[in-house]
């Protein structure tokens, strides 16, 4: 906790606000102005330029954590196809399945 607090100590805003802004930007692929609007709805006045600076400073760590949490996606896809008869009509069904 002290390491995380020391990363944010040179900023005026609280660490929770900074981390939430950076998380919003990277998790939902928002623009900096969208992050500014979301924070303004919660009563926090932050410019989009401030959010941009926070994302440049702390963003790499957040993206690494989000990618690690998402897990590894496979590079092999399977296409499952079949024909079924529903009320006398032949229907074609398919679905794509990741490994």
C-alpha atoms as a PDB file:
ATOM      1  CA  UNK A   1       0.000   0.000   0.000  1.00  0.00           C
ATOM      2  CA  UNK A   2       2.827   2.417   0.755  1.00  0.00           C
ATOM      3  CA  UNK A   3       4.320   1.820  -2.696  1.00  0.00           C
ATOM      4  CA  UNK A   4       0.995   2.634  -4.359  1.00  0.00           C
ATOM      5  CA  UNK A   5       0.535   5.718  -2.188  1.00  0.00           C
ATOM      6  CA  UNK A   6       4.041   6.923  -2.983  1.00  0.00           C
ATOM      7  CA  UNK A   7       3.271   6.773  -6.722  1.00  0.00           C
ATOM      8  CA  UNK A   8       0.420   9.242  -6.305  1.00  0.00           C
ATOM      9  CA  UNK A   9       1.898  11.550  -3.678  1.00  0.00           C
ATOM     10  CA  UNK A  10       3.008  14.300  -6.100  1.00  0.00           C
ATOM     11  CA  UNK A  11      -0.539  14.750  -7.419  1.00  0.00           C
ATOM     12  CA  UNK A  12      -3.217  16.951  -5.884  1.00  0.00           C
ATOM     13  CA  UNK A  13      -6.040  14.493  -6.438  1.00  0.00           C
ATOM     14  CA  UNK A  14      -6.593  11.471  -4.271  1.00  0.00           C
ATOM     15  CA  UNK A  15      -5.233   8.164  -5.478  1.00  0.00           C
ATOM     16  CA  UNK A  16      -8.750   6.691  -5.771  1.00  0.00           C
ATOM     17  CA  UNK A  17      -9.756   9.377  -8.274  1.00  0.00           C
ATOM     18  CA  UNK A  18      -6.630   8.922 -10.367  1.00  0.00           C
ATOM     19  CA  UNK A  19      -6.897   5.153 -10.422  1.00  0.00           C
ATOM     20  CA  UNK A  20     -10.607   5.286 -11.295  1.00  0.00           C
ATOM     21  CA  UNK A  21      -9.984   7.687 -14.191  1.00  0.00           C
ATOM     22  CA  UNK A  22      -7.176   5.572 -15.605  1.00  0.00           C
ATOM     23  CA  UNK A  23      -9.197   2.397 -15.132  1.00  0.00           C
ATOM     24  CA  UNK A  24     -12.199   3.910 -16.979  1.00  0.00           C
ATOM     25  CA  UNK A  25     -10.039   4.961 -19.905  1.00  0.00           C
ATOM     26  CA  UNK A  26      -8.294   1.623 -20.345  1.00  0.00           C
ATOM     27  CA  UNK A  27     -11.094  -0.760 -19.408  1.00  0.00           C
ATOM     28  CA  UNK A  28     -13.832   0.686 -21.601  1.00  0.00           C
ATOM     29  CA  UNK A  29     -11.711   2.309 -24.359  1.00  0.00           C
ATOM     30  CA  UNK A  30     -13.160   5.747 -23.668  1.00  0.00           C
ATOM     31  CA  UNK A  31     -11.859   9.094 -24.849  1.00  0.00           C
ATOM     32  CA  UNK A  32     -10.294  11.485 -22.367  1.00  0.00           C
ATOM     33  CA  UNK A  33     -13.301  13.781 -22.693  1.00  0.00           C
ATOM     34  CA  UNK A  34     -15.597  10.862 -21.822  1.00  0.00           C
ATOM     35  CA  UNK A  35     -13.534  10.219 -18.693  1.00  0.00           C
ATOM     36  CA  UNK A  36     -13.819  13.919 -17.873  1.00  0.00           C
ATOM     37  CA  UNK A  37     -17.621  13.704 -18.262  1.00  0.00           C
ATOM     38  CA  UNK A  38     -17.905  10.566 -16.108  1.00  0.00           C
ATOM     39  CA  UNK A  39     -15.920  12.180 -13.317  1.00  0.00           C
ATOM     40  CA  UNK A  40     -17.950  15.403 -13.632  1.00  0.00           C
ATOM     41  CA  UNK A  41     -21.143  13.393 -13.097  1.00  0.00           C
ATOM     42  CA  UNK A  42     -19.689  12.295  -9.783  1.00  0.00           C
ATOM     43  CA  UNK A  43     -18.825  15.864  -8.806  1.00  0.00           C
ATOM     44  CA  UNK A  44     -15.111  15.656  -9.580  1.00  0.00           C
ATOM     45  CA  UNK A  45     -13.732  18.489 -11.714  1.00  0.00           C
ATOM     46  CA  UNK A  46     -10.853  17.245 -13.842  1.00  0.00           C
ATOM     47  CA  UNK A  47      -9.815  18.398 -17.300  1.00  0.00           C
ATOM     48  CA  UNK A  48      -9.305  15.930 -20.121  1.00  0.00           C
ATOM     49  CA  UNK A  49      -5.656  16.987 -20.285  1.00  0.00           C
ATOM     50  CA  UNK A  50      -5.181  15.915 -16.665  1.00  0.00           C
ATOM     51  CA  UNK A  51      -6.786  12.567 -17.421  1.00  0.00           C
ATOM     52  CA  UNK A  52      -4.445  12.209 -20.411  1.00  0.00           C
ATOM     53  CA  UNK A  53      -1.395  12.870 -18.241  1.00  0.00           C
ATOM     54  CA  UNK A  54      -2.574  10.356 -15.656  1.00  0.00           C
ATOM     55  CA  UNK A  55      -3.101   7.739 -18.357  1.00  0.00           C
ATOM     56  CA  UNK A  56       0.360   8.356 -19.790  1.00  0.00           C
ATOM     57  CA  UNK A  57       1.928   8.044 -16.352  1.00  0.00           C
ATOM     58  CA  UNK A  58      -0.040   5.139 -14.874  1.00  0.00           C
ATOM     59  CA  UNK A  59      -1.676   3.541 -17.913  1.00  0.00           C
ATOM     60  CA  UNK A  60       0.894   0.888 -18.730  1.00  0.00           C
ATOM     61  CA  UNK A  61       0.523  -0.732 -15.321  1.00  0.00           C
ATOM     62  CA  UNK A  62      -3.282  -0.775 -15.629  1.00  0.00           C
ATOM     63  CA  UNK A  63      -3.239  -2.293 -19.114  1.00  0.00           C
ATOM     64  CA  UNK A  64      -0.857  -5.020 -17.956  1.00  0.00           C
ATOM     65  CA  UNK A  65      -3.136  -5.895 -15.051  1.00  0.00           C
ATOM     66  CA  UNK A  66      -6.263  -5.880 -17.240  1.00  0.00           C
ATOM     67  CA  UNK A  67      -4.646  -8.107 -19.861  1.00  0.00           C
ATOM     68  CA  UNK A  68      -3.396 -10.509 -17.202  1.00  0.00           C
ATOM     69  CA  UNK A  69      -6.868 -10.704 -15.674  1.00  0.00           C
ATOM     70  CA  UNK A  70      -8.496 -11.294 -19.065  1.00  0.00           C
ATOM     71  CA  UNK A  71      -6.363 -14.338 -19.693  1.00  0.00           C
ATOM     72  CA  UNK A  72      -4.763 -15.632 -22.817  1.00  0.00           C
ATOM     73  CA  UNK A  73      -6.957 -15.972 -25.842  1.00  0.00           C
ATOM     74  CA  UNK A  74      -6.384 -18.891 -28.095  1.00  0.00           C
ATOM     75  CA  UNK A  75      -5.385 -18.551 -31.696  1.00  0.00           C
ATOM     76  CA  UNK A  76      -7.427 -21.542 -32.868  1.00  0.00           C
ATOM     77  CA  UNK A  77     -11.091 -21.217 -33.732  1.00  0.00           C
ATOM     78  CA  UNK A  78     -13.490 -24.008 -34.605  1.00  0.00           C
ATOM     79  CA  UNK A  79     -16.606 -23.617 -36.688  1.00  0.00           C
ATOM     80  CA  UNK A  80     -19.381 -26.018 -35.732  1.00  0.00           C
ATOM     81  CA  UNK A  81     -22.002 -26.431 -38.461  1.00  0.00           C
ATOM     82  CA  UNK A  82     -25.101 -28.583 -38.736  1.00  0.00           C
ATOM     83  CA  UNK A  83     -28.405 -28.849 -40.562  1.00  0.00           C
ATOM     84  CA  UNK A  84     -31.579 -29.438 -38.552  1.00  0.00           C
ATOM     85  CA  UNK A  85     -35.181 -29.818 -39.603  1.00  0.00           C
ATOM     86  CA  UNK A  86     -37.583 -27.526 -37.713  1.00  0.00           C
ATOM     87  CA  UNK A  87     -41.299 -27.905 -38.535  1.00  0.00           C
ATOM     88  CA  UNK A  88     -40.430 -29.434 -41.877  1.00  0.00           C
ATOM     89  CA  UNK A  89     -37.979 -26.691 -42.894  1.00  0.00           C
ATOM     90  CA  UNK A  90     -34.295 -27.447 -43.125  1.00  0.00           C
ATOM     91  CA  UNK A  91     -32.266 -24.877 -41.181  1.00  0.00           C
ATOM     92  CA  UNK A  92     -28.514 -24.265 -41.215  1.00  0.00           C
ATOM     93  CA  UNK A  93     -26.995 -23.572 -37.787  1.00  0.00           C
ATOM     94  CA  UNK A  94     -23.406 -22.658 -36.991  1.00  0.00           C
ATOM     95  CA  UNK A  95     -21.322 -21.273 -34.159  1.00  0.00           C
ATOM     96  CA  UNK A  96     -17.725 -20.231 -33.754  1.00  0.00           C
ATOM     97  CA  UNK A  97     -15.894 -21.690 -30.773  1.00  0.00           C
ATOM     98  CA  UNK A  98     -12.567 -20.575 -29.344  1.00  0.00           C
ATOM     99  CA  UNK A  99     -10.240 -23.250 -28.048  1.00  0.00           C
END
